Amino acid sequence: MSEQAVRSLTVMIEQEQLLASRLYEVLAQELAALERLDSESIQGLAQEKNRLLIAIDLHVGEREKAHRNAFDNVELAHITDLAPLTLINGLHQLIADYRSLLNRCRTQNDINGRIIAANRRSVERHLSLLRGHQPDAVIYTATGRATRMQGRHRYAVA
């Protein structure tokens, strides 16, 4: 039973790793779409990213529930007595690889998030300029003194 539980745990983590690999691919595609400013692709990729995150979360919950009783609260580091060492070593390597992949996903998502935030600030600045708002702008008076821009100054009217 315990060797079978280790094998089952391995299979479930492999399935999660496949989902995480797909997530990493989507994050890479999202970066490319952000660089191209392809809003339609970005929206579709955001939906796919959300779907994958939900799937991973559900899968982790199922795995934890399925193996809670199978290991009788045995910590992963102490399961070496439950199955052959080669199986345990493979599981430890799989877990290390999975964690590494999740860290790469987190890093890529952070990068994408910073790009999205920068693009958003840029769009907001441009819209503010078009609306005549520029709170940090300095203009010069008729006497040549620098002063902060007051009120609304339209630069363009459509």
C-alpha atoms as a PDB file:
ATOM      1  CA  MET A   1       0.000   0.000   0.000  1.00  0.00           C
ATOM      2  CA  SER A   2       2.673   2.535   0.942  1.00  0.00           C
ATOM      3  CA  GLU A   3       4.752   1.881  -2.198  1.00  0.00           C
ATOM      4  CA  GLN A   4       1.591   2.297  -4.251  1.00  0.00           C
ATOM      5  CA  ALA A   5       0.871   5.562  -2.424  1.00  0.00           C
ATOM      6  CA  VAL A   6       4.355   6.830  -3.328  1.00  0.00           C
ATOM      7  CA  ARG A   7       3.786   5.848  -6.965  1.00  0.00           C
ATOM      8  CA  SER A   8       0.387   7.547  -6.939  1.00  0.00           C
ATOM      9  CA  LEU A   9       1.886  10.687  -5.426  1.00  0.00           C
ATOM     10  CA  THR A  10       4.548  10.681  -8.137  1.00  0.00           C
ATOM     11  CA  VAL A  11       1.924  10.441 -10.882  1.00  0.00           C
ATOM     12  CA  MET A  12      -0.124  13.266  -9.394  1.00  0.00           C
ATOM     13  CA  ILE A  13       2.903  15.549  -9.083  1.00  0.00           C
ATOM     14  CA  GLU A  14       3.866  14.724 -12.676  1.00  0.00           C
ATOM     15  CA  GLN A  15       0.377  15.820 -13.752  1.00  0.00           C
ATOM     16  CA  GLU A  16       0.729  19.069 -11.814  1.00  0.00           C
ATOM     17  CA  GLN A  17       4.132  19.592 -13.388  1.00  0.00           C
ATOM     18  CA  LEU A  18       2.572  19.249 -16.849  1.00  0.00           C
ATOM     19  CA  LEU A  19       0.028  21.928 -15.939  1.00  0.00           C
ATOM     20  CA  ALA A  20       2.807  24.148 -14.588  1.00  0.00           C
ATOM     21  CA  SER A  21       4.832  23.615 -17.787  1.00  0.00           C
ATOM     22  CA  ARG A  22       1.845  24.733 -19.820  1.00  0.00           C
ATOM     23  CA  LEU A  23       1.475  27.738 -17.508  1.00  0.00           C
ATOM     24  CA  TYR A  24       5.109  28.678 -18.129  1.00  0.00           C
ATOM     25  CA  GLU A  25       4.506  28.469 -21.887  1.00  0.00           C
ATOM     26  CA  VAL A  26       1.467  30.734 -21.545  1.00  0.00           C
ATOM     27  CA  LEU A  27       3.496  33.216 -19.493  1.00  0.00           C
ATOM     28  CA  ALA A  28       6.174  33.267 -22.204  1.00  0.00           C
ATOM     29  CA  GLN A  29       3.478  33.828 -24.848  1.00  0.00           C
ATOM     30  CA  GLU A  30       2.026  36.594 -22.691  1.00  0.00           C
ATOM     31  CA  LEU A  31       5.427  38.312 -22.576  1.00  0.00           C
ATOM     32  CA  ALA A  32       5.637  38.187 -26.366  1.00  0.00           C
ATOM     33  CA  ALA A  33       2.093  39.570 -26.663  1.00  0.00           C
ATOM     34  CA  LEU A  34       2.952  42.354 -24.209  1.00  0.00           C
ATOM     35  CA  GLU A  35       5.994  43.264 -26.283  1.00  0.00           C
ATOM     36  CA  ARG A  36       3.791  43.402 -29.408  1.00  0.00           C
ATOM     37  CA  LEU A  37       1.057  45.294 -27.485  1.00  0.00           C
ATOM     38  CA  ASP A  38      -1.410  42.676 -28.775  1.00  0.00           C
ATOM     39  CA  SER A  39      -4.342  43.266 -26.420  1.00  0.00           C
ATOM     40  CA  GLU A  40      -6.522  40.550 -27.948  1.00  0.00           C
ATOM     41  CA  SER A  41      -3.843  37.898 -27.387  1.00  0.00           C
ATOM     42  CA  ILE A  42      -3.131  39.247 -23.900  1.00  0.00           C
ATOM     43  CA  GLN A  43      -6.788  38.837 -22.937  1.00  0.00           C
ATOM     44  CA  GLY A  44      -6.942  35.285 -24.281  1.00  0.00           C
ATOM     45  CA  LEU A  45      -3.700  34.348 -22.552  1.00  0.00           C
ATOM     46  CA  ALA A  46      -4.921  35.852 -19.274  1.00  0.00           C
ATOM     47  CA  GLN A  47      -7.981  33.596 -19.471  1.00  0.00           C
ATOM     48  CA  GLU A  48      -5.810  30.558 -20.215  1.00  0.00           C
ATOM     49  CA  LYS A  49      -3.470  31.504 -17.372  1.00  0.00           C
ATOM     50  CA  ASN A  50      -6.431  31.769 -14.993  1.00  0.00           C
ATOM     51  CA  ARG A  51      -7.782  28.400 -16.160  1.00  0.00           C
ATOM     52  CA  LEU A  52      -4.415  26.742 -15.577  1.00  0.00           C
ATOM     53  CA  LEU A  53      -4.005  28.291 -12.133  1.00  0.00           C
ATOM     54  CA  ILE A  54      -7.435  27.007 -11.129  1.00  0.00           C
ATOM     55  CA  ALA A  55      -6.598  23.554 -12.500  1.00  0.00           C
ATOM     56  CA  ILE A  56      -3.306  23.453 -10.583  1.00  0.00           C
ATOM     57  CA  ASP A  57      -5.002  24.610  -7.396  1.00  0.00           C
ATOM     58  CA  LEU A  58      -7.721  21.963  -7.726  1.00  0.00           C
ATOM     59  CA  HIS A  59      -5.154  19.289  -8.487  1.00  0.00           C
ATOM     60  CA  VAL A  60      -3.044  20.202  -5.460  1.00  0.00           C
ATOM     61  CA  GLY A  61      -6.148  20.017  -3.268  1.00  0.00           C
ATOM     62  CA  GLU A  62      -7.042  16.593  -4.659  1.00  0.00           C
ATOM     63  CA  ARG A  63      -3.486  15.353  -4.165  1.00  0.00           C
ATOM     64  CA  GLU A  64      -3.330  16.557  -0.599  1.00  0.00           C
ATOM     65  CA  LYS A  65      -6.698  15.007   0.190  1.00  0.00           C
ATOM     66  CA  ALA A  66      -5.837  11.690  -1.486  1.00  0.00           C
ATOM     67  CA  HIS A  67      -2.507  11.323   0.254  1.00  0.00           C
ATOM     68  CA  ARG A  68      -3.354  12.743   3.660  1.00  0.00           C
ATOM     69  CA  ASN A  69      -4.493   9.346   4.917  1.00  0.00           C
ATOM     70  CA  ALA A  70      -2.189   7.263   2.727  1.00  0.00           C
ATOM     71  CA  PHE A  71       0.904   8.633   4.422  1.00  0.00           C
ATOM     72  CA  ASP A  72      -0.691   8.898   7.838  1.00  0.00           C
ATOM     73  CA  ASN A  73       0.773  12.405   8.315  1.00  0.00           C
ATOM     74  CA  VAL A  74       4.292  11.210   7.473  1.00  0.00           C
ATOM     75  CA  GLU A  75       6.425  14.097   6.258  1.00  0.00           C
ATOM     76  CA  LEU A  76       7.749  13.780   2.726  1.00  0.00           C
ATOM     77  CA  ALA A  77      11.315  13.799   4.015  1.00  0.00           C
ATOM     78  CA  HIS A  78      10.569  10.658   6.078  1.00  0.00           C
ATOM     79  CA  ILE A  79       8.881   8.442   3.494  1.00  0.00           C
ATOM     80  CA  THR A  80      12.087   6.583   2.643  1.00  0.00           C
ATOM     81  CA  ASP A  81      10.932   3.675   4.794  1.00  0.00           C
ATOM     82  CA  LEU A  82       7.750   3.300   2.746  1.00  0.00           C
ATOM     83  CA  ALA A  83       9.128   2.443  -0.706  1.00  0.00           C
ATOM     84  CA  PRO A  84      12.309   1.485  -2.587  1.00  0.00           C
ATOM     85  CA  LEU A  85      15.055   4.087  -2.495  1.00  0.00           C
ATOM     86  CA  THR A  86      15.064   4.541  -6.298  1.00  0.00           C
ATOM     87  CA  LEU A  87      11.372   5.399  -6.217  1.00  0.00           C
ATOM     88  CA  ILE A  88      11.892   7.824  -3.334  1.00  0.00           C
ATOM     89  CA  ASN A  89      14.904   9.455  -5.035  1.00  0.00           C
ATOM     90  CA  GLY A  90      12.856   9.879  -8.195  1.00  0.00           C
ATOM     91  CA  LEU A  91      10.079  11.494  -6.186  1.00  0.00           C
ATOM     92  CA  HIS A  92      12.497  13.878  -4.474  1.00  0.00           C
ATOM     93  CA  GLN A  93      13.981  14.884  -7.850  1.00  0.00           C
ATOM     94  CA  LEU A  94      10.500  15.345  -9.313  1.00  0.00           C
ATOM     95  CA  ILE A  95       9.533  17.587  -6.415  1.00  0.00           C
ATOM     96  CA  ALA A  96      12.739  19.624  -6.780  1.00  0.00           C
ATOM     97  CA  ASP A  97      12.116  20.039 -10.520  1.00  0.00           C
ATOM     98  CA  TYR A  98       8.474  20.984  -9.884  1.00  0.00           C
ATOM     99  CA  ARG A  99       9.457  23.624  -7.330  1.00  0.00           C
ATOM    100  CA  SER A 100      12.037  25.021  -9.736  1.00  0.00           C
ATOM    101  CA  LEU A 101       9.405  25.229 -12.487  1.00  0.00           C
ATOM    102  CA  LEU A 102       6.963  26.969 -10.144  1.00  0.00           C
ATOM    103  CA  ASN A 103       9.685  29.482  -9.231  1.00  0.00           C
ATOM    104  CA  ARG A 104      10.333  30.156 -12.931  1.00  0.00           C
ATOM    105  CA  CYS A 105       6.590  30.681 -13.401  1.00  0.00           C
ATOM    106  CA  ARG A 106       6.512  33.120 -10.479  1.00  0.00           C
ATOM    107  CA  THR A 107       9.518  35.027 -11.831  1.00  0.00           C
ATOM    108  CA  GLN A 108       8.036  35.241 -15.337  1.00  0.00           C
ATOM    109  CA  ASN A 109       4.686  36.331 -13.942  1.00  0.00           C
ATOM    110  CA  ASP A 110       6.426  39.060 -11.926  1.00  0.00           C
ATOM    111  CA  ILE A 111       8.224  40.266 -15.058  1.00  0.00           C
ATOM    112  CA  ASN A 112       4.968  40.306 -17.016  1.00  0.00           C
ATOM    113  CA  GLY A 113       3.250  42.144 -14.164  1.00  0.00           C
ATOM    114  CA  ARG A 114       5.927  44.848 -14.141  1.00  0.00           C
ATOM    115  CA  ILE A 115       5.539  45.300 -17.906  1.00  0.00           C
ATOM    116  CA  ILE A 116       1.759  45.550 -17.567  1.00  0.00           C
ATOM    117  CA  ALA A 117       2.120  48.110 -14.765  1.00  0.00           C
ATOM    118  CA  ALA A 118       4.602  50.172 -16.816  1.00  0.00           C
ATOM    119  CA  ASN A 119       2.325  50.069 -19.873  1.00  0.00           C
ATOM    120  CA  ARG A 120      -0.625  51.104 -17.744  1.00  0.00           C
ATOM    121  CA  ARG A 121       1.261  54.058 -16.258  1.00  0.00           C
ATOM    122  CA  SER A 122       2.286  55.127 -19.751  1.00  0.00           C
ATOM    123  CA  VAL A 123      -1.283  54.959 -21.048  1.00  0.00           C
ATOM    124  CA  GLU A 124      -2.549  56.873 -18.005  1.00  0.00           C
ATOM    125  CA  ARG A 125       0.110  59.572 -18.536  1.00  0.00           C
ATOM    126  CA  HIS A 126      -0.818  59.939 -22.192  1.00  0.00           C
ATOM    127  CA  LEU A 127      -4.523  60.109 -21.400  1.00  0.00           C
ATOM    128  CA  SER A 128      -3.824  62.674 -18.717  1.00  0.00           C
ATOM    129  CA  LEU A 129      -1.920  64.801 -21.224  1.00  0.00           C
ATOM    130  CA  LEU A 130      -4.742  64.575 -23.746  1.00  0.00           C
ATOM    131  CA  ARG A 131      -7.240  65.602 -21.067  1.00  0.00           C
ATOM    132  CA  GLY A 132      -5.073  68.537 -20.058  1.00  0.00           C
ATOM    133  CA  HIS A 133      -4.090  67.110 -16.673  1.00  0.00           C
ATOM    134  CA  GLN A 134      -0.466  67.118 -15.791  1.00  0.00           C
ATOM    135  CA  PRO A 135      -0.081  67.646 -12.051  1.00  0.00           C
ATOM    136  CA  ASP A 136       3.705  67.407 -12.057  1.00  0.00           C
ATOM    137  CA  ALA A 137       4.201  69.664 -15.055  1.00  0.00           C
ATOM    138  CA  VAL A 138       6.072  72.920 -14.702  1.00  0.00           C
ATOM    139  CA  ILE A 139       5.310  75.818 -16.992  1.00  0.00           C
ATOM    140  CA  TYR A 140       6.865  79.261 -17.227  1.00  0.00           C
ATOM    141  CA  THR A 141       4.986  82.470 -16.643  1.00  0.00           C
ATOM    142  CA  ALA A 142       5.226  85.580 -18.805  1.00  0.00           C
ATOM    143  CA  THR A 143       7.944  86.834 -16.470  1.00  0.00           C
ATOM    144  CA  GLY A 144       9.959  83.630 -16.866  1.00  0.00           C
ATOM    145  CA  ARG A 145       9.228  82.161 -13.445  1.00  0.00           C
ATOM    146  CA  ALA A 146       8.677  78.420 -13.164  1.00  0.00           C
ATOM    147  CA  THR A 147       5.323  77.427 -11.697  1.00  0.00           C
ATOM    148  CA  ARG A 148       3.285  74.268 -11.408  1.00  0.00           C
ATOM    149  CA  MET A 149       0.618  73.850 -14.046  1.00  0.00           C
ATOM    150  CA  GLN A 150      -2.756  74.928 -12.682  1.00  0.00           C
ATOM    151  CA  GLY A 151      -6.127  73.808 -13.941  1.00  0.00           C
ATOM    152  CA  ARG A 152      -6.834  72.189 -17.225  1.00  0.00           C
ATOM    153  CA  HIS A 153      -4.907  72.910 -20.363  1.00  0.00           C
ATOM    154  CA  ARG A 154      -6.148  71.009 -23.350  1.00  0.00           C
ATOM    155  CA  TYR A 155      -3.486  70.010 -25.815  1.00  0.00           C
ATOM    156  CA  ALA A 156      -5.830  68.399 -28.259  1.00  0.00           C
ATOM    157  CA  VAL A 157      -9.522  68.374 -29.007  1.00  0.00           C
ATOM    158  CA  ALA A 158     -11.121  65.715 -31.100  1.00  0.00           C
END
